[in-house]
Amino acid sequence: RLSQQEVEKLIAAGQDALQRNAMFHAFLSSINGKVLTTVS
């Protein structure tokens, strides 16, 4: 049971966290045929 404000914060956090995730960007770069992002 969470407030609407808390729910909206978490949804936005999920969207932003995926956008900023280095591993996800490395994967996208790989399937787009670009130089693979350096991720250890």
All heavy atoms as atom14 arrays in JSON, in Angstrom:
{
  "sequence": "RLSQQEVEKLIAAGQDALQRNAMFHAFLSSINGKVLTTVS",
  "atom14_mask": [
    [1, 1, 1, 1, 1, 1, 1, 1, 1, 1, 1, 0, 0, 0],
    [1, 1, 1, 1, 1, 1, 1, 1, 0, 0, 0, 0, 0, 0],
    [1, 1, 1, 1, 1, 1, 0, 0, 0, 0, 0, 0, 0, 0],
    [1, 1, 1, 1, 1, 1, 1, 1, 1, 0, 0, 0, 0, 0],
    [1, 1, 1, 1, 1, 1, 1, 1, 1, 0, 0, 0, 0, 0],
    [1, 1, 1, 1, 1, 1, 1, 1, 1, 0, 0, 0, 0, 0],
    [1, 1, 1, 1, 1, 1, 1, 0, 0, 0, 0, 0, 0, 0],
    [1, 1, 1, 1, 1, 1, 1, 1, 1, 0, 0, 0, 0, 0],
    [1, 1, 1, 1, 1, 1, 1, 1, 1, 0, 0, 0, 0, 0],
    [1, 1, 1, 1, 1, 1, 1, 1, 0, 0, 0, 0, 0, 0],
    [1, 1, 1, 1, 1, 1, 1, 1, 0, 0, 0, 0, 0, 0],
    [1, 1, 1, 1, 1, 0, 0, 0, 0, 0, 0, 0, 0, 0],
    [1, 1, 1, 1, 1, 0, 0, 0, 0, 0, 0, 0, 0, 0],
    [1, 1, 1, 1, 0, 0, 0, 0, 0, 0, 0, 0, 0, 0],
    [1, 1, 1, 1, 1, 1, 1, 1, 1, 0, 0, 0, 0, 0],
    [1, 1, 1, 1, 1, 1, 1, 1, 0, 0, 0, 0, 0, 0],
    [1, 1, 1, 1, 1, 0, 0, 0, 0, 0, 0, 0, 0, 0],
    [1, 1, 1, 1, 1, 1, 1, 1, 0, 0, 0, 0, 0, 0],
    [1, 1, 1, 1, 1, 1, 1, 1, 1, 0, 0, 0, 0, 0],
    [1, 1, 1, 1, 1, 1, 1, 1, 1, 1, 1, 0, 0, 0],
    [1, 1, 1, 1, 1, 1, 1, 1, 0, 0, 0, 0, 0, 0],
    [1, 1, 1, 1, 1, 0, 0, 0, 0, 0, 0, 0, 0, 0],
    [1, 1, 1, 1, 1, 1, 1, 1, 0, 0, 0, 0, 0, 0],
    [1, 1, 1, 1, 1, 1, 1, 1, 1, 1, 1, 0, 0, 0],
    [1, 1, 1, 1, 1, 1, 1, 1, 1, 1, 0, 0, 0, 0],
    [1, 1, 1, 1, 1, 0, 0, 0, 0, 0, 0, 0, 0, 0],
    [1, 1, 1, 1, 1, 1, 1, 1, 1, 1, 1, 0, 0, 0],
    [1, 1, 1, 1, 1, 1, 1, 1, 0, 0, 0, 0, 0, 0],
    [1, 1, 1, 1, 1, 1, 0, 0, 0, 0, 0, 0, 0, 0],
    [1, 1, 1, 1, 1, 1, 0, 0, 0, 0, 0, 0, 0, 0],
    [1, 1, 1, 1, 1, 1, 1, 1, 0, 0, 0, 0, 0, 0],
    [1, 1, 1, 1, 1, 1, 1, 1, 0, 0, 0, 0, 0, 0],
    [1, 1, 1, 1, 0, 0, 0, 0, 0, 0, 0, 0, 0, 0],
    [1, 1, 1, 1, 1, 1, 1, 1, 1, 0, 0, 0, 0, 0],
    [1, 1, 1, 1, 1, 1, 1, 0, 0, 0, 0, 0, 0, 0],
    [1, 1, 1, 1, 1, 1, 1, 1, 0, 0, 0, 0, 0, 0],
    [1, 1, 1, 1, 1, 1, 1, 0, 0, 0, 0, 0, 0, 0],
    [1, 1, 1, 1, 1, 1, 1, 0, 0, 0, 0, 0, 0, 0],
    [1, 1, 1, 1, 1, 1, 1, 0, 0, 0, 0, 0, 0, 0],
    [1, 1, 1, 1, 1, 1, 0, 0, 0, 0, 0, 0, 0, 0]
  ],
  "atom14_positions": [
    [[0.87, -1.19, 0.0], [0.0, 0.0, 0.0], [0.89, 1.22, 0.0], [1.58, 1.52, 0.98], [-0.91, 0.01, 1.23], [-1.85, 1.21, 1.27], [-2.72, 1.17, 2.51], [-1.93, 1.28, 3.74], [-2.39, 0.98, 4.94], [-3.6, 0.5, 5.08], [-1.62, 1.11, 6.01], [0.0, 0.0, 0.0], [0.0, 0.0, 0.0], [0.0, 0.0, 0.0]],
    [[0.89, 1.96, -1.11], [1.71, 3.16, -1.24], [0.83, 4.31, -1.73], [-0.23, 4.1, -2.31], [2.86, 2.94, -2.23], [3.89, 1.87, -1.87], [4.92, 1.76, -2.99], [4.57, 2.15, -0.55], [0.0, 0.0, 0.0], [0.0, 0.0, 0.0], [0.0, 0.0, 0.0], [0.0, 0.0, 0.0], [0.0, 0.0, 0.0], [0.0, 0.0, 0.0]],
    [[1.3, 5.51, -1.51], [0.59, 6.69, -2.01], [0.8, 6.83, -3.5], [1.75, 6.28, -4.07], [1.08, 7.94, -1.29], [2.42, 8.25, -1.69], [0.0, 0.0, 0.0], [0.0, 0.0, 0.0], [0.0, 0.0, 0.0], [0.0, 0.0, 0.0], [0.0, 0.0, 0.0], [0.0, 0.0, 0.0], [0.0, 0.0, 0.0], [0.0, 0.0, 0.0]],
    [[-0.05, 7.59, -4.16], [0.11, 7.83, -5.59], [1.43, 8.52, -5.88], [2.11, 8.19, -6.87], [-1.05, 8.67, -6.13], [-0.94, 8.95, -7.63], [-2.16, 9.65, -8.19], [-3.2, 9.72, -7.53], [-2.06, 10.15, -9.41], [0.0, 0.0, 0.0], [0.0, 0.0, 0.0], [0.0, 0.0, 0.0], [0.0, 0.0, 0.0], [0.0, 0.0, 0.0]],
    [[1.83, 9.44, -5.03], [3.1, 10.13, -5.24], [4.27, 9.15, -5.18], [5.2, 9.22, -6.0], [3.27, 11.22, -4.18], [4.56, 12.04, -4.36], [4.72, 13.09, -3.26], [4.12, 12.98, -2.18], [5.52, 14.11, -3.53], [0.0, 0.0, 0.0], [0.0, 0.0, 0.0], [0.0, 0.0, 0.0], [0.0, 0.0, 0.0], [0.0, 0.0, 0.0]],
    [[4.24, 8.22, -4.23], [5.31, 7.24, -4.12], [5.34, 6.32, -5.34], [6.42, 6.0, -5.86], [5.13, 6.42, -2.84], [5.41, 7.21, -1.57], [5.0, 6.47, -0.31], [4.01, 5.69, -0.37], [5.64, 6.67, 0.74], [0.0, 0.0, 0.0], [0.0, 0.0, 0.0], [0.0, 0.0, 0.0], [0.0, 0.0, 0.0], [0.0, 0.0, 0.0]],
    [[4.17, 5.91, -5.8], [4.09, 5.04, -6.98], [4.67, 5.75, -8.2], [5.45, 5.16, -8.97], [2.63, 4.61, -7.24], [2.48, 3.97, -8.62], [2.16, 3.65, -6.15], [0.0, 0.0, 0.0], [0.0, 0.0, 0.0], [0.0, 0.0, 0.0], [0.0, 0.0, 0.0], [0.0, 0.0, 0.0], [0.0, 0.0, 0.0], [0.0, 0.0, 0.0]],
    [[4.31, 7.02, -8.39], [4.79, 7.75, -9.56], [6.32, 7.92, -9.51], [7.0, 7.84, -10.53], [4.11, 9.12, -9.65], [2.6, 9.07, -9.78], [2.11, 8.36, -11.04], [2.93, 8.05, -11.92], [0.9, 8.08, -11.13], [0.0, 0.0, 0.0], [0.0, 0.0, 0.0], [0.0, 0.0, 0.0], [0.0, 0.0, 0.0], [0.0, 0.0, 0.0]],
    [[6.84, 8.14, -8.31], [8.3, 8.26, -8.16], [9.0, 6.97, -8.57], [10.04, 6.98, -9.23], [8.66, 8.61, -6.72], [8.39, 10.04, -6.32], [8.82, 10.27, -4.87], [8.56, 11.71, -4.43], [8.97, 11.91, -3.01], [0.0, 0.0, 0.0], [0.0, 0.0, 0.0], [0.0, 0.0, 0.0], [0.0, 0.0, 0.0], [0.0, 0.0, 0.0]],
    [[8.43, 5.84, -8.18], [9.04, 4.55, -8.47], [8.94, 4.2, -9.96], [9.89, 3.65, -10.53], [8.37, 3.46, -7.63], [8.7, 3.52, -6.13], [7.65, 2.78, -5.32], [10.09, 2.96, -5.87], [0.0, 0.0, 0.0], [0.0, 0.0, 0.0], [0.0, 0.0, 0.0], [0.0, 0.0, 0.0], [0.0, 0.0, 0.0], [0.0, 0.0, 0.0]],
    [[7.83, 4.51, -10.58], [7.7, 4.26, -12.03], [8.73, 5.08, -12.79], [9.43, 4.56, -13.67], [6.27, 4.58, -12.51], [5.27, 3.6, -11.9], [6.2, 4.54, -14.03], [3.81, 3.96, -12.2], [0.0, 0.0, 0.0], [0.0, 0.0, 0.0], [0.0, 0.0, 0.0], [0.0, 0.0, 0.0], [0.0, 0.0, 0.0], [0.0, 0.0, 0.0]],
    [[8.82, 6.36, -12.45], [9.81, 7.22, -13.11], [11.23, 6.73, -12.84], [12.1, 6.79, -13.73], [9.65, 8.66, -12.63], [0.0, 0.0, 0.0], [0.0, 0.0, 0.0], [0.0, 0.0, 0.0], [0.0, 0.0, 0.0], [0.0, 0.0, 0.0], [0.0, 0.0, 0.0], [0.0, 0.0, 0.0], [0.0, 0.0, 0.0], [0.0, 0.0, 0.0]],
    [[11.47, 6.23, -11.64], [12.8, 5.71, -11.31], [13.14, 4.51, -12.17], [14.28, 4.38, -12.63], [12.86, 5.34, -9.83], [0.0, 0.0, 0.0], [0.0, 0.0, 0.0], [0.0, 0.0, 0.0], [0.0, 0.0, 0.0], [0.0, 0.0, 0.0], [0.0, 0.0, 0.0], [0.0, 0.0, 0.0], [0.0, 0.0, 0.0], [0.0, 0.0, 0.0]],
    [[12.19, 3.61, -12.39], [12.44, 2.45, -13.26], [12.77, 2.87, -14.68], [13.68, 2.31, -15.31], [0.0, 0.0, 0.0], [0.0, 0.0, 0.0], [0.0, 0.0, 0.0], [0.0, 0.0, 0.0], [0.0, 0.0, 0.0], [0.0, 0.0, 0.0], [0.0, 0.0, 0.0], [0.0, 0.0, 0.0], [0.0, 0.0, 0.0], [0.0, 0.0, 0.0]],
    [[12.04, 3.86, -15.18], [12.31, 4.35, -16.54], [13.7, 4.98, -16.63], [14.48, 4.68, -17.55], [11.23, 5.36, -16.92], [9.83, 4.77, -17.04], [8.75, 5.83, -17.12], [8.94, 7.0, -16.76], [7.58, 5.42, -17.6], [0.0, 0.0, 0.0], [0.0, 0.0, 0.0], [0.0, 0.0, 0.0], [0.0, 0.0, 0.0], [0.0, 0.0, 0.0]],
    [[14.01, 5.83, -15.67], [15.3, 6.53, -15.71], [16.47, 5.58, -15.47], [17.53, 5.72, -16.09], [15.32, 7.63, -14.65], [14.32, 8.74, -14.94], [13.83, 8.81, -16.09], [14.03, 9.53, -14.02], [0.0, 0.0, 0.0], [0.0, 0.0, 0.0], [0.0, 0.0, 0.0], [0.0, 0.0, 0.0], [0.0, 0.0, 0.0], [0.0, 0.0, 0.0]],
    [[16.29, 4.63, -14.57], [17.38, 3.71, -14.25], [17.73, 2.84, -15.47], [18.92, 2.56, -15.71], [17.02, 2.83, -13.06], [0.0, 0.0, 0.0], [0.0, 0.0, 0.0], [0.0, 0.0, 0.0], [0.0, 0.0, 0.0], [0.0, 0.0, 0.0], [0.0, 0.0, 0.0], [0.0, 0.0, 0.0], [0.0, 0.0, 0.0], [0.0, 0.0, 0.0]],
    [[16.74, 2.41, -16.23], [17.04, 1.64, -17.45], [17.75, 2.52, -18.46], [18.73, 2.08, -19.09], [15.75, 1.07, -18.04], [15.96, 0.23, -19.31], [16.79, -1.02, -19.02], [14.61, -0.17, -19.93], [0.0, 0.0, 0.0], [0.0, 0.0, 0.0], [0.0, 0.0, 0.0], [0.0, 0.0, 0.0], [0.0, 0.0, 0.0], [0.0, 0.0, 0.0]],
    [[17.3, 3.74, -18.6], [17.94, 4.66, -19.55], [19.41, 4.89, -19.22], [20.24, 5.06, -20.11], [17.21, 6.0, -19.56], [15.93, 6.02, -20.37], [15.35, 7.42, -20.43], [15.13, 8.07, -19.41], [15.11, 7.9, -21.63], [0.0, 0.0, 0.0], [0.0, 0.0, 0.0], [0.0, 0.0, 0.0], [0.0, 0.0, 0.0], [0.0, 0.0, 0.0]],
    [[19.75, 4.89, -17.93], [21.12, 5.19, -17.5], [21.98, 3.95, -17.32], [23.17, 4.08, -17.0], [21.08, 5.96, -16.17], [20.33, 7.27, -16.24], [20.4, 8.01, -14.92], [19.53, 9.18, -14.9], [19.49, 10.07, -13.93], [20.31, 9.93, -12.88], [18.68, 11.09, -13.97], [0.0, 0.0, 0.0], [0.0, 0.0, 0.0], [0.0, 0.0, 0.0]],
    [[21.41, 2.77, -17.49], [22.15, 1.55, -17.2], [23.21, 1.28, -18.26], [22.89, 1.14, -19.45], [21.17, 0.38, -17.1], [21.85, -0.9, -16.68], [22.26, -1.69, -17.51], [21.96, -1.11, -15.38], [0.0, 0.0, 0.0], [0.0, 0.0, 0.0], [0.0, 0.0, 0.0], [0.0, 0.0, 0.0], [0.0, 0.0, 0.0], [0.0, 0.0, 0.0]],
    [[24.46, 1.19, -17.85], [25.57, 1.02, -18.78], [25.49, -0.31, -19.53], [25.81, -0.39, -20.73], [26.9, 1.13, -18.04], [0.0, 0.0, 0.0], [0.0, 0.0, 0.0], [0.0, 0.0, 0.0], [0.0, 0.0, 0.0], [0.0, 0.0, 0.0], [0.0, 0.0, 0.0], [0.0, 0.0, 0.0], [0.0, 0.0, 0.0], [0.0, 0.0, 0.0]],
    [[25.07, -1.36, -18.84], [24.97, -2.67, -19.48], [23.92, -2.68, -20.57], [24.1, -3.26, -21.65], [24.66, -3.74, -18.44], [24.78, -5.17, -18.96], [26.46, -5.58, -19.47], [27.3, -5.48, -17.91], [0.0, 0.0, 0.0], [0.0, 0.0, 0.0], [0.0, 0.0, 0.0], [0.0, 0.0, 0.0], [0.0, 0.0, 0.0], [0.0, 0.0, 0.0]],
    [[22.8, -2.02, -20.31], [21.73, -1.93, -21.3], [22.21, -1.15, -22.52], [21.94, -1.53, -23.66], [20.51, -1.28, -20.67], [19.32, -1.21, -21.59], [18.75, -2.36, -22.1], [18.75, 0.02, -21.92], [17.64, -2.31, -22.94], [17.64, 0.09, -22.75], [17.09, -1.08, -23.26], [0.0, 0.0, 0.0], [0.0, 0.0, 0.0], [0.0, 0.0, 0.0]],
    [[22.96, -0.07, -22.3], [23.48, 0.7, -23.43], [24.5, -0.1, -24.22], [24.58, 0.02, -25.46], [24.09, 2.02, -22.93], [23.07, 3.08, -22.69], [22.5, 3.81, -23.7], [22.48, 3.51, -21.54], [21.63, 4.67, -23.21], [21.59, 4.51, -21.9], [0.0, 0.0, 0.0], [0.0, 0.0, 0.0], [0.0, 0.0, 0.0], [0.0, 0.0, 0.0]],
    [[25.29, -0.91, -23.53], [26.25, -1.76, -24.24], [25.53, -2.75, -25.13], [25.93, -3.0, -26.28], [27.14, -2.5, -23.23], [0.0, 0.0, 0.0], [0.0, 0.0, 0.0], [0.0, 0.0, 0.0], [0.0, 0.0, 0.0], [0.0, 0.0, 0.0], [0.0, 0.0, 0.0], [0.0, 0.0, 0.0], [0.0, 0.0, 0.0], [0.0, 0.0, 0.0]],
    [[24.45, -3.32, -24.64], [23.65, -4.25, -25.42], [23.05, -3.55, -26.64], [23.11, -4.06, -27.77], [22.54, -4.82, -24.54], [21.51, -5.62, -25.28], [21.79, -6.9, -25.74], [20.25, -5.09, -25.51], [20.83, -7.64, -26.43], [19.28, -5.82, -26.19], [19.58, -7.09, -26.65], [0.0, 0.0, 0.0], [0.0, 0.0, 0.0], [0.0, 0.0, 0.0]],
    [[22.47, -2.36, -26.44], [21.88, -1.63, -27.56], [22.93, -1.27, -28.6], [22.68, -1.38, -29.81], [21.19, -0.36, -27.05], [19.94, -0.54, -26.2], [19.41, 0.83, -25.75], [18.87, -1.3, -26.97], [0.0, 0.0, 0.0], [0.0, 0.0, 0.0], [0.0, 0.0, 0.0], [0.0, 0.0, 0.0], [0.0, 0.0, 0.0], [0.0, 0.0, 0.0]],
    [[24.09, -0.84, -28.16], [25.17, -0.52, -29.1], [25.55, -1.74, -29.9], [25.82, -1.65, -31.1], [26.39, 0.01, -28.34], [26.11, 1.22, -27.69], [0.0, 0.0, 0.0], [0.0, 0.0, 0.0], [0.0, 0.0, 0.0], [0.0, 0.0, 0.0], [0.0, 0.0, 0.0], [0.0, 0.0, 0.0], [0.0, 0.0, 0.0], [0.0, 0.0, 0.0]],
    [[25.57, -2.89, -29.26], [25.96, -4.13, -29.93], [24.96, -4.53, -31.01], [25.33, -4.87, -32.13], [26.11, -5.25, -28.91], [26.49, -6.45, -29.54], [0.0, 0.0, 0.0], [0.0, 0.0, 0.0], [0.0, 0.0, 0.0], [0.0, 0.0, 0.0], [0.0, 0.0, 0.0], [0.0, 0.0, 0.0], [0.0, 0.0, 0.0], [0.0, 0.0, 0.0]],
    [[23.67, -4.46, -30.71], [22.68, -4.89, -31.71], [22.46, -3.84, -32.78], [21.95, -4.15, -33.86], [21.33, -5.26, -31.05], [20.67, -4.04, -30.41], [21.51, -6.39, -30.05], [19.27, -4.34, -29.86], [0.0, 0.0, 0.0], [0.0, 0.0, 0.0], [0.0, 0.0, 0.0], [0.0, 0.0, 0.0], [0.0, 0.0, 0.0], [0.0, 0.0, 0.0]],
    [[22.88, -2.6, -32.5], [22.78, -1.56, -33.52], [24.0, -1.51, -34.43], [24.09, -0.66, -35.3], [22.59, -0.19, -32.86], [21.19, 0.0, -32.33], [20.23, -0.57, -32.85], [21.05, 0.79, -31.28], [0.0, 0.0, 0.0], [0.0, 0.0, 0.0], [0.0, 0.0, 0.0], [0.0, 0.0, 0.0], [0.0, 0.0, 0.0], [0.0, 0.0, 0.0]],
    [[24.98, -2.4, -34.16], [26.16, -2.46, -35.02], [27.18, -1.39, -34.75], [28.09, -1.16, -35.54], [0.0, 0.0, 0.0], [0.0, 0.0, 0.0], [0.0, 0.0, 0.0], [0.0, 0.0, 0.0], [0.0, 0.0, 0.0], [0.0, 0.0, 0.0], [0.0, 0.0, 0.0], [0.0, 0.0, 0.0], [0.0, 0.0, 0.0], [0.0, 0.0, 0.0]],
    [[27.07, -0.71, -33.61], [28.02, 0.34, -33.26], [29.15, -0.25, -32.44], [29.14, -1.42, -32.07], [27.32, 1.45, -32.48], [26.2, 2.12, -33.27], [25.48, 3.14, -32.41], [24.34, 3.78, -33.17], [23.57, 4.74, -32.34], [0.0, 0.0, 0.0], [0.0, 0.0, 0.0], [0.0, 0.0, 0.0], [0.0, 0.0, 0.0], [0.0, 0.0, 0.0]],
    [[30.13, 0.58, -32.11], [31.23, 0.13, -31.27], [30.68, -0.23, -29.9], [29.93, 0.53, -29.28], [32.3, 1.23, -31.13], [33.4, 0.78, -30.19], [32.88, 1.56, -32.51], [0.0, 0.0, 0.0], [0.0, 0.0, 0.0], [0.0, 0.0, 0.0], [0.0, 0.0, 0.0], [0.0, 0.0, 0.0], [0.0, 0.0, 0.0], [0.0, 0.0, 0.0]],
    [[31.04, -1.39, -29.39], [30.54, -1.87, -28.11], [31.07, -1.0, -26.97], [32.26, -0.73, -26.88], [30.99, -3.32, -27.89], [30.44, -4.01, -26.64], [28.94, -4.19, -26.75], [31.11, -5.36, -26.46], [0.0, 0.0, 0.0], [0.0, 0.0, 0.0], [0.0, 0.0, 0.0], [0.0, 0.0, 0.0], [0.0, 0.0, 0.0], [0.0, 0.0, 0.0]],
    [[30.14, -0.54, -26.14], [30.51, 0.25, -24.99], [31.43, -0.56, -24.07], [31.19, -1.74, -23.85], [29.24, 0.69, -24.22], [28.38, 1.37, -25.12], [29.59, 1.58, -23.06], [0.0, 0.0, 0.0], [0.0, 0.0, 0.0], [0.0, 0.0, 0.0], [0.0, 0.0, 0.0], [0.0, 0.0, 0.0], [0.0, 0.0, 0.0], [0.0, 0.0, 0.0]],
    [[32.43, 0.06, -23.53], [33.35, -0.65, -22.63], [32.71, -0.78, -21.25], [32.55, 0.19, -20.53], [34.67, 0.11, -22.51], [35.25, 0.22, -23.8], [35.64, -0.64, -21.61], [0.0, 0.0, 0.0], [0.0, 0.0, 0.0], [0.0, 0.0, 0.0], [0.0, 0.0, 0.0], [0.0, 0.0, 0.0], [0.0, 0.0, 0.0], [0.0, 0.0, 0.0]],
    [[32.31, -2.0, -20.91], [31.73, -2.3, -19.61], [32.43, -3.55, -19.1], [32.44, -4.59, -19.75], [30.21, -2.54, -19.71], [29.63, -2.85, -18.34], [29.52, -1.34, -20.32], [0.0, 0.0, 0.0], [0.0, 0.0, 0.0], [0.0, 0.0, 0.0], [0.0, 0.0, 0.0], [0.0, 0.0, 0.0], [0.0, 0.0, 0.0], [0.0, 0.0, 0.0]],
    [[33.01, -3.46, -17.91], [33.86, -4.55, -17.41], [33.11, -5.85, -17.21], [33.7, -6.92, -17.32], [34.51, -4.13, -16.09], [33.52, -3.85, -15.12], [0.0, 0.0, 0.0], [0.0, 0.0, 0.0], [0.0, 0.0, 0.0], [0.0, 0.0, 0.0], [0.0, 0.0, 0.0], [0.0, 0.0, 0.0], [0.0, 0.0, 0.0], [0.0, 0.0, 0.0]]
  ]
}
